[in-house]
Every structure is written in C-alpha cells, then in structure tokens.
N, C-alpha and C. Protein backbone atom coordinates (compact mmCIF):
# COMPACT_ATOMS: atom_id res chain seq x y z
N MET A 1 175.32 17.15 16.56
CA MET A 1 175.95 18.53 16.52
C MET A 1 177.40 18.14 16.57
N TYR A 2 178.10 18.80 16.87
CA TYR A 2 179.71 18.50 17.15
C TYR A 2 180.05 17.49 18.23
N GLN A 3 180.82 16.29 17.96
CA GLN A 3 181.39 15.45 18.76
C GLN A 3 182.92 15.43 19.11
N HIS A 4 183.78 16.13 18.24
CA HIS A 4 185.08 16.03 18.63
C HIS A 4 185.61 17.34 18.00
N ILE A 5 186.15 18.33 18.85
CA ILE A 5 186.60 19.57 18.52
C ILE A 5 188.08 19.55 18.57
N LEU A 6 188.75 20.09 17.69
CA LEU A 6 190.25 20.41 17.64
C LEU A 6 190.31 21.82 17.73
N VAL A 7 191.20 21.97 18.97
CA VAL A 7 191.51 23.38 19.30
C VAL A 7 193.17 23.74 19.28
N PRO A 8 193.79 24.53 18.27
CA PRO A 8 195.01 24.77 18.36
C PRO A 8 195.35 25.94 19.28
N THR A 9 196.37 25.79 19.99
CA THR A 9 196.86 26.82 20.78
C THR A 9 198.53 27.15 20.57
N ASP A 10 198.73 28.36 20.60
CA ASP A 10 199.95 28.78 20.50
C ASP A 10 200.75 29.56 21.56
N GLY A 11 200.09 29.47 22.77
CA GLY A 11 200.32 29.74 23.88
C GLY A 11 200.24 31.41 24.10
N THR A 12 199.71 32.05 23.16
CA THR A 12 199.17 33.52 23.62
C THR A 12 197.98 33.42 24.38
N PRO A 13 197.82 34.73 24.79
CA PRO A 13 196.15 34.83 25.96
C PRO A 13 195.24 34.67 25.17
N LEU A 14 195.09 35.05 23.77
CA LEU A 14 194.08 35.03 22.95
C LEU A 14 193.81 33.46 22.62
N SER A 15 194.85 32.81 22.36
CA SER A 15 194.50 31.25 21.92
C SER A 15 194.07 30.59 23.36
N ALA A 16 194.70 30.91 24.45
CA ALA A 16 194.33 30.09 25.71
C ALA A 16 192.78 30.47 26.09
N SER A 17 192.48 31.88 25.70
CA SER A 17 190.97 32.17 25.70
C SER A 17 190.13 31.36 24.95
N ALA A 18 190.49 31.19 23.70
CA ALA A 18 189.84 30.40 22.74
C ALA A 18 189.56 28.54 23.34
N VAL A 19 190.78 28.24 23.78
CA VAL A 19 190.72 27.05 24.50
C VAL A 19 189.55 26.93 25.74
N THR A 20 189.41 28.01 26.67
CA THR A 20 188.45 28.07 27.42
C THR A 20 187.15 27.88 26.79
N LYS A 21 186.90 28.68 25.71
CA LYS A 21 185.64 28.89 25.08
C LYS A 21 185.31 27.62 24.13
N ALA A 22 186.22 26.92 24.00
CA ALA A 22 186.08 25.49 23.06
C ALA A 22 185.64 24.46 24.19
N VAL A 23 186.37 24.80 25.43
CA VAL A 23 185.92 23.74 26.11
C VAL A 23 184.67 23.76 26.92
N SER A 24 184.20 24.97 27.03
CA SER A 24 182.85 25.31 27.40
C SER A 24 181.68 24.65 26.12
N LEU A 25 182.11 25.23 24.90
CA LEU A 25 181.12 24.67 23.91
C LEU A 25 181.12 23.19 23.72
N ALA A 26 182.45 22.51 24.02
CA ALA A 26 182.21 20.90 23.96
C ALA A 26 181.36 20.58 25.42
N LYS A 27 181.65 21.25 26.48
CA LYS A 27 180.65 20.70 27.48
C LYS A 27 179.07 20.78 27.08
N THR A 28 178.83 21.98 26.53
CA THR A 28 177.45 22.25 26.38
C THR A 28 176.86 21.37 25.28
N VAL A 29 177.64 20.80 24.36
CA VAL A 29 177.25 19.95 23.26
C VAL A 29 177.50 18.38 23.45
N GLY A 30 178.35 17.89 24.66
CA GLY A 30 178.60 17.09 24.95
C GLY A 30 179.92 16.47 23.94
N ALA A 31 180.49 17.01 23.68
CA ALA A 31 181.90 16.68 22.55
C ALA A 31 183.06 16.79 23.51
N LYS A 32 184.04 16.01 23.13
CA LYS A 32 185.46 16.13 23.43
C LYS A 32 186.13 16.81 22.61
N VAL A 33 187.40 17.12 23.20
CA VAL A 33 188.37 18.19 22.55
C VAL A 33 189.61 17.50 22.55
N THR A 34 190.41 17.93 21.13
CA THR A 34 191.70 17.51 21.21
C THR A 34 192.38 18.93 20.97
N VAL A 35 193.40 19.18 21.94
CA VAL A 35 194.26 20.64 22.07
C VAL A 35 195.42 20.24 21.23
N LEU A 36 195.90 21.11 20.25
CA LEU A 36 197.15 20.77 19.36
C LEU A 36 197.88 22.25 19.65
N THR A 37 199.24 21.70 19.84
CA THR A 37 200.26 22.85 19.72
C THR A 37 201.16 22.38 18.61
N VAL A 38 201.75 23.35 17.72
CA VAL A 38 202.61 23.14 16.76
C VAL A 38 203.95 23.75 17.09
N VAL A 39 205.07 23.03 16.95
CA VAL A 39 206.36 23.25 17.24
C VAL A 39 207.18 22.93 15.97
N HIS A 40 208.29 23.75 15.67
CA HIS A 40 209.12 23.28 14.85
C HIS A 40 210.71 23.56 15.32
N ARG A 41 211.59 22.71 14.52
CA ARG A 41 213.05 22.98 14.82
C ARG A 41 213.53 24.28 13.90
N LEU A 42 214.38 24.74 14.68
CA LEU A 42 214.99 25.73 13.87
C LEU A 42 215.88 25.05 12.60
N PRO A 43 216.04 25.84 11.60
CA PRO A 43 216.91 25.00 10.37
C PRO A 43 218.26 25.12 10.90
N THR A 44 219.25 24.19 10.62
CA THR A 44 220.57 24.16 11.19
C THR A 44 221.34 23.95 9.52
N LEU A 45 222.27 24.95 9.44
CA LEU A 45 223.16 24.71 8.29
C LEU A 45 224.25 24.02 8.22
N GLY A 46 224.34 23.06 9.20
CA GLY A 46 225.42 22.32 9.45
C GLY A 46 225.69 21.87 10.84
N LEU A 47 227.02 21.56 11.10
CA LEU A 47 226.98 21.29 12.75
C LEU A 47 227.89 22.31 13.38
N GLY A 48 227.78 23.49 12.87
CA GLY A 48 228.65 24.54 13.51
C GLY A 48 227.99 24.86 15.00
N ALA A 49 228.28 26.19 14.89
CA ALA A 49 227.86 26.93 16.46
C ALA A 49 226.17 27.01 16.62
N SER A 50 225.87 26.94 15.32
CA SER A 50 224.14 27.11 15.44
C SER A 50 223.64 25.57 16.23
N GLN A 51 224.24 24.56 16.06
CA GLN A 51 223.41 23.25 16.57
C GLN A 51 223.17 23.30 18.06
N PRO A 52 224.02 23.64 18.68
CA PRO A 52 223.72 23.78 20.43
C PRO A 52 222.41 24.78 20.59
N TYR A 53 222.70 25.66 19.97
CA TYR A 53 221.31 26.56 19.92
C TYR A 53 220.12 26.39 19.38
N ALA A 54 220.05 25.65 18.29
CA ALA A 54 218.98 25.09 17.78
C ALA A 54 218.55 23.92 18.55
N GLU A 55 219.14 23.09 19.26
CA GLU A 55 218.99 22.20 20.25
C GLU A 55 218.47 22.70 21.58
N GLU A 56 218.78 23.75 22.09
CA GLU A 56 218.44 24.34 23.30
C GLU A 56 216.93 25.12 22.97
N PHE A 57 216.97 25.69 21.76
CA PHE A 57 215.57 26.13 21.36
C PHE A 57 214.37 25.07 21.43
N TRP A 58 214.82 23.91 20.75
CA TRP A 58 213.96 22.81 20.68
C TRP A 58 213.73 22.21 22.13
N ARG A 59 214.36 22.19 22.94
CA ARG A 59 213.99 21.85 24.06
C ARG A 59 213.03 22.65 24.88
N HIS A 60 213.37 24.05 24.90
CA HIS A 60 212.61 25.04 25.47
C HIS A 60 211.09 25.29 24.82
N ALA A 61 211.21 24.81 23.46
CA ALA A 61 209.74 24.61 22.43
C ALA A 61 209.12 23.39 23.02
N GLN A 62 209.77 22.60 23.07
CA GLN A 62 208.93 21.34 23.97
C GLN A 62 208.37 21.39 25.18
N ALA A 63 209.02 21.96 26.12
CA ALA A 63 208.85 22.30 27.46
C ALA A 63 207.64 23.14 27.39
N ASP A 64 207.38 24.17 26.64
CA ASP A 64 206.76 25.22 26.56
C ASP A 64 205.39 24.51 26.01
N ALA A 65 205.70 23.98 25.01
CA ALA A 65 204.22 22.92 24.50
C ALA A 65 203.85 22.21 25.60
N ALA A 66 204.58 21.30 26.21
CA ALA A 66 204.06 20.69 27.35
C ALA A 66 203.60 21.44 28.39
N ARG A 67 203.83 22.27 28.83
CA ARG A 67 203.21 23.31 30.01
C ARG A 67 201.87 23.73 29.27
N ARG A 68 201.80 24.52 28.07
CA ARG A 68 200.74 24.83 27.79
C ARG A 68 199.52 23.69 27.56
N LEU A 69 199.70 22.79 27.06
CA LEU A 69 198.94 21.51 26.98
C LEU A 69 198.55 21.06 28.04
N GLY A 70 199.39 21.03 29.25
CA GLY A 70 198.89 20.54 30.31
C GLY A 70 197.88 21.45 31.14
N GLU A 71 198.32 22.75 31.00
CA GLU A 71 196.93 23.77 31.36
C GLU A 71 195.68 23.44 30.62
N ALA A 72 195.64 23.35 29.45
CA ALA A 72 194.19 23.02 28.78
C ALA A 72 193.79 21.75 29.04
N ALA A 73 194.74 20.70 29.27
CA ALA A 73 193.94 19.15 29.73
C ALA A 73 193.52 19.48 31.03
N GLN A 74 194.08 20.35 32.10
CA GLN A 74 193.49 20.52 33.32
C GLN A 74 192.33 21.35 33.36
N GLU A 75 192.20 22.22 32.38
CA GLU A 75 191.09 23.16 32.38
C GLU A 75 189.77 22.12 31.80
N ALA A 76 190.03 21.27 30.91
CA ALA A 76 189.26 20.31 30.36
C ALA A 76 188.56 19.36 31.58
N ARG A 77 189.60 18.92 32.21
CA ARG A 77 189.26 17.80 33.36
C ARG A 77 188.43 18.47 34.20
N GLU A 78 188.63 19.89 34.51
CA GLU A 78 187.90 20.60 35.54
C GLU A 78 186.40 20.63 35.12
N ALA A 79 186.33 20.89 33.85
CA ALA A 79 184.95 21.18 33.19
C ALA A 79 184.38 19.82 33.10
N GLY A 80 184.90 18.70 33.17
CA GLY A 80 184.41 17.39 33.05
C GLY A 80 184.21 16.93 31.33
N VAL A 81 185.08 17.43 30.60
CA VAL A 81 185.11 17.37 29.23
C VAL A 81 186.36 16.30 28.75
N ALA A 82 186.17 15.38 28.20
CA ALA A 82 187.20 14.25 27.70
C ALA A 82 188.21 15.29 26.56
N CYS A 83 189.68 15.07 26.96
CA CYS A 83 190.57 15.88 26.48
C CYS A 83 191.77 15.04 26.11
N GLU A 84 192.25 15.28 24.84
CA GLU A 84 193.49 14.50 24.34
C GLU A 84 194.38 16.01 24.17
N VAL A 85 195.59 15.73 24.27
CA VAL A 85 196.75 16.76 23.71
C VAL A 85 197.65 16.30 22.84
N VAL A 86 197.98 17.28 21.75
CA VAL A 86 198.80 16.80 20.88
C VAL A 86 199.62 17.64 20.46
N THR A 87 201.36 17.44 20.44
CA THR A 87 202.27 18.10 20.01
C THR A 87 202.62 17.72 18.58
N VAL A 88 202.65 18.53 17.56
CA VAL A 88 203.09 17.99 16.16
C VAL A 88 204.10 19.05 15.78
N GLU A 89 205.24 18.54 15.31
CA GLU A 89 206.24 19.15 14.53
C GLU A 89 206.20 19.51 13.01
N ASP A 90 205.88 20.68 12.89
CA ASP A 90 205.77 21.17 11.21
C ASP A 90 206.27 22.43 11.05
N ARG A 91 206.66 22.74 9.98
CA ARG A 91 206.94 24.06 9.67
C ARG A 91 205.81 25.02 9.18
N GLN A 92 204.54 24.39 8.81
CA GLN A 92 203.42 25.04 8.52
C GLN A 92 202.34 24.83 9.45
N PRO A 93 202.03 25.61 10.47
CA PRO A 93 200.94 25.32 11.32
C PRO A 93 199.66 24.86 11.06
N TYR A 94 199.25 25.62 9.72
CA TYR A 94 197.83 25.43 9.63
C TYR A 94 197.86 24.06 8.57
N GLU A 95 198.94 23.61 8.00
CA GLU A 95 198.61 22.27 7.49
C GLU A 95 198.65 21.25 8.75
N ALA A 96 199.36 21.57 9.81
CA ALA A 96 199.44 20.48 10.93
C ALA A 96 198.00 20.58 11.83
N ILE A 97 197.47 21.56 11.68
CA ILE A 97 195.92 21.80 12.31
C ILE A 97 195.13 21.07 11.33
N ILE A 98 195.30 21.21 10.27
CA ILE A 98 194.13 20.50 9.12
C ILE A 98 194.59 19.22 9.17
N GLU A 99 195.73 18.66 9.27
CA GLU A 99 196.05 16.89 9.20
C GLU A 99 195.53 16.41 10.30
N THR A 100 196.00 16.99 11.53
CA THR A 100 195.60 16.51 12.83
C THR A 100 194.09 16.51 12.99
N ALA A 101 193.54 17.45 12.60
CA ALA A 101 192.05 17.18 12.78
C ALA A 101 191.31 16.04 11.86
N GLY A 102 191.85 16.01 10.82
CA GLY A 102 191.36 14.90 10.05
C GLY A 102 192.04 13.44 10.49
N ALA A 103 193.18 13.39 10.87
CA ALA A 103 193.69 12.26 11.48
C ALA A 103 193.07 11.84 12.74
N ARG A 104 192.71 12.65 13.50
CA ARG A 104 191.81 12.37 14.82
C ARG A 104 190.55 12.33 15.08
N GLY A 105 189.87 12.50 13.58
CA GLY A 105 188.46 12.54 13.35
C GLY A 105 187.52 13.58 13.94
N CYS A 106 187.92 14.66 13.85
CA CYS A 106 187.45 15.81 14.43
C CYS A 106 186.37 16.49 13.42
N ASP A 107 185.46 16.99 13.84
CA ASP A 107 184.36 17.24 13.21
C ASP A 107 184.11 19.16 13.16
N LEU A 108 185.03 19.68 14.05
CA LEU A 108 185.11 21.05 13.97
C LEU A 108 186.51 21.46 14.74
N ILE A 109 186.91 22.69 14.18
CA ILE A 109 188.21 23.22 14.34
C ILE A 109 187.81 24.43 15.01
N ALA A 110 188.04 24.70 16.36
CA ALA A 110 187.76 25.85 17.00
C ALA A 110 189.20 26.75 17.40
N MET A 111 189.51 27.86 16.99
CA MET A 111 190.74 28.66 17.08
C MET A 111 190.27 30.06 17.17
N ALA A 112 191.46 30.81 17.70
CA ALA A 112 191.57 32.13 17.92
C ALA A 112 191.95 32.83 16.59
N SER A 113 191.82 33.99 16.40
CA SER A 113 191.93 34.87 15.39
C SER A 113 192.78 36.05 15.99
N HIS A 114 193.78 36.55 15.83
CA HIS A 114 194.34 37.64 16.22
C HIS A 114 193.90 39.25 15.74
N GLY A 115 193.02 38.91 14.68
CA GLY A 115 192.24 40.08 14.15
C GLY A 115 193.23 41.15 13.10
N ARG A 116 194.30 40.51 12.74
CA ARG A 116 195.31 41.51 12.15
C ARG A 116 194.79 41.90 10.75
N ARG A 117 194.75 43.13 10.54
CA ARG A 117 194.24 43.78 9.19
C ARG A 117 195.14 44.33 8.27
N GLY A 118 194.67 44.89 7.20
CA GLY A 118 195.62 45.48 6.33
C GLY A 118 197.14 44.96 5.97
N LEU A 119 198.11 45.67 5.98
CA LEU A 119 199.36 45.57 5.55
C LEU A 119 200.02 44.44 6.74
N SER A 120 199.83 44.52 7.89
CA SER A 120 200.15 43.44 8.91
C SER A 120 199.90 42.08 8.89
N ALA A 121 198.48 42.01 8.19
CA ALA A 121 197.94 40.64 7.94
C ALA A 121 198.50 40.14 6.68
N LEU A 122 198.96 41.11 5.69
CA LEU A 122 199.49 40.72 4.46
C LEU A 122 201.10 40.22 4.77
N VAL A 123 201.53 40.86 5.51
CA VAL A 123 203.15 40.47 5.88
C VAL A 123 203.52 39.68 6.53
N ILE A 124 202.64 39.53 7.98
CA ILE A 124 202.61 38.49 8.93
C ILE A 124 201.97 37.36 8.45
N GLY A 125 200.76 37.55 7.61
CA GLY A 125 200.27 36.60 7.41
C GLY A 125 199.28 35.64 8.45
N SER A 126 198.51 35.02 8.26
CA SER A 126 197.26 34.37 9.15
C SER A 126 197.29 32.97 9.13
N GLU A 127 197.73 32.16 10.22
CA GLU A 127 197.51 30.73 10.25
C GLU A 127 195.90 30.55 10.33
N THR A 128 195.19 31.55 10.96
CA THR A 128 193.61 31.28 10.98
C THR A 128 192.98 31.34 9.48
N MET A 129 193.51 32.26 8.76
CA MET A 129 193.09 32.72 7.30
C MET A 129 193.39 31.40 6.37
N LYS A 130 194.61 30.56 6.90
CA LYS A 130 195.05 29.65 5.79
C LYS A 130 194.30 28.30 6.20
N VAL A 131 193.69 28.27 7.48
CA VAL A 131 192.88 27.04 7.86
C VAL A 131 191.58 27.34 7.17
N LEU A 132 191.01 28.45 7.32
CA LEU A 132 189.54 28.86 6.71
C LEU A 132 189.63 28.57 5.49
N THR A 133 190.92 28.84 4.67
CA THR A 133 190.90 29.01 3.24
C THR A 133 190.99 27.13 2.70
N HIS A 134 191.84 26.41 3.55
CA HIS A 134 192.17 25.18 3.20
C HIS A 134 191.30 24.14 3.74
N SER A 135 190.56 24.25 4.97
CA SER A 135 190.01 23.49 5.75
C SER A 135 188.54 22.59 4.90
N LYS A 136 188.42 21.66 4.97
CA LYS A 136 187.05 20.86 4.41
C LYS A 136 186.02 20.90 5.53
N LEU A 137 186.48 21.13 7.13
CA LEU A 137 185.89 20.80 8.13
C LEU A 137 185.39 22.46 8.61
N PRO A 138 184.33 22.43 9.33
CA PRO A 138 184.04 23.83 9.81
C PRO A 138 184.75 24.34 10.57
N VAL A 139 185.12 25.58 10.68
CA VAL A 139 185.90 26.39 11.46
C VAL A 139 185.29 27.46 12.46
N LEU A 140 185.30 27.45 13.50
CA LEU A 140 184.70 28.24 14.38
C LEU A 140 185.90 29.40 15.07
N ILE A 141 185.69 30.43 14.76
CA ILE A 141 186.83 31.47 15.08
C ILE A 141 186.45 32.11 16.19
N PHE A 142 187.26 32.45 17.19
CA PHE A 142 186.97 33.16 18.47
C PHE A 142 188.04 34.44 18.47
N ARG A 143 187.15 35.36 18.93
CA ARG A 143 188.02 36.56 19.09
C ARG A 143 188.15 37.08 20.44
C-alpha cells in the first residue's frame, strides 16, 4: 500500500486533525510521514518602512511553522511513526505541496479540506482543489 505520506498543515484545527488522521493511517499501513508547512515572505517594495514589518512577519511565520511542525513530529513519535518535518518558502502552497511530495518520494498526499463551496470557494480558492487538479500522486482528503 502506501509507504510515505506527505501531510501539509497550515496551523488550522482542521489541518491539525488531518495530521492526526494521517499519522493513524501511516501507523496502520506501516508508512512514514513527512509533515509540510509552507510560509512566504511578504512582498516589499523597497527598503522603506515596510521592511522591518516584513522581517517581523517572517520571524513570526517561521516560529509558528516550527511550533506546528514540532507538535506534528511529537504526535508521530508518540504513535511510533517515522516522521520528517519540512518548511518550504513559496508563494503558491499547492505547488510547494506537489513539489515536496515528488522530491521526498511520497506516494500519497493526505490533507484537509475546509469544505468551502459556492462564491467563497471561487473567491478564496482552494489549495486542496489545486493539489487535486495538478498532482499526479493520489490525494486523500480529510474533512
């Protein structure tokens, strides 16, 4: 069955639940997991007043990513599942998810869906839908 599962997390309770479910699946099938979070720098238009704000934002984003990945790694460790954690900087999370899965040799992407429909799905967009549309790997969606 599956041997290496990529689990993206964005820090929401729904994606934390997906990590829990993916770790459980990995334990059941004897797979390892890689937990991924994607962060990106705010665009700066020069070296003006926005630069310190952008650097502060970046530091907070990195700290939040490290905390979230640490929690996921601890959960996997407690379940007896081998786990790697990865932080990627990218402006398009779905591309980072797909690229990381390929680069790490994953054979399944397991992620959460916020279940947006209608206008909100159209306006906000869905990273999950983009992964489903563009990935050549199987994608398991948790709700």
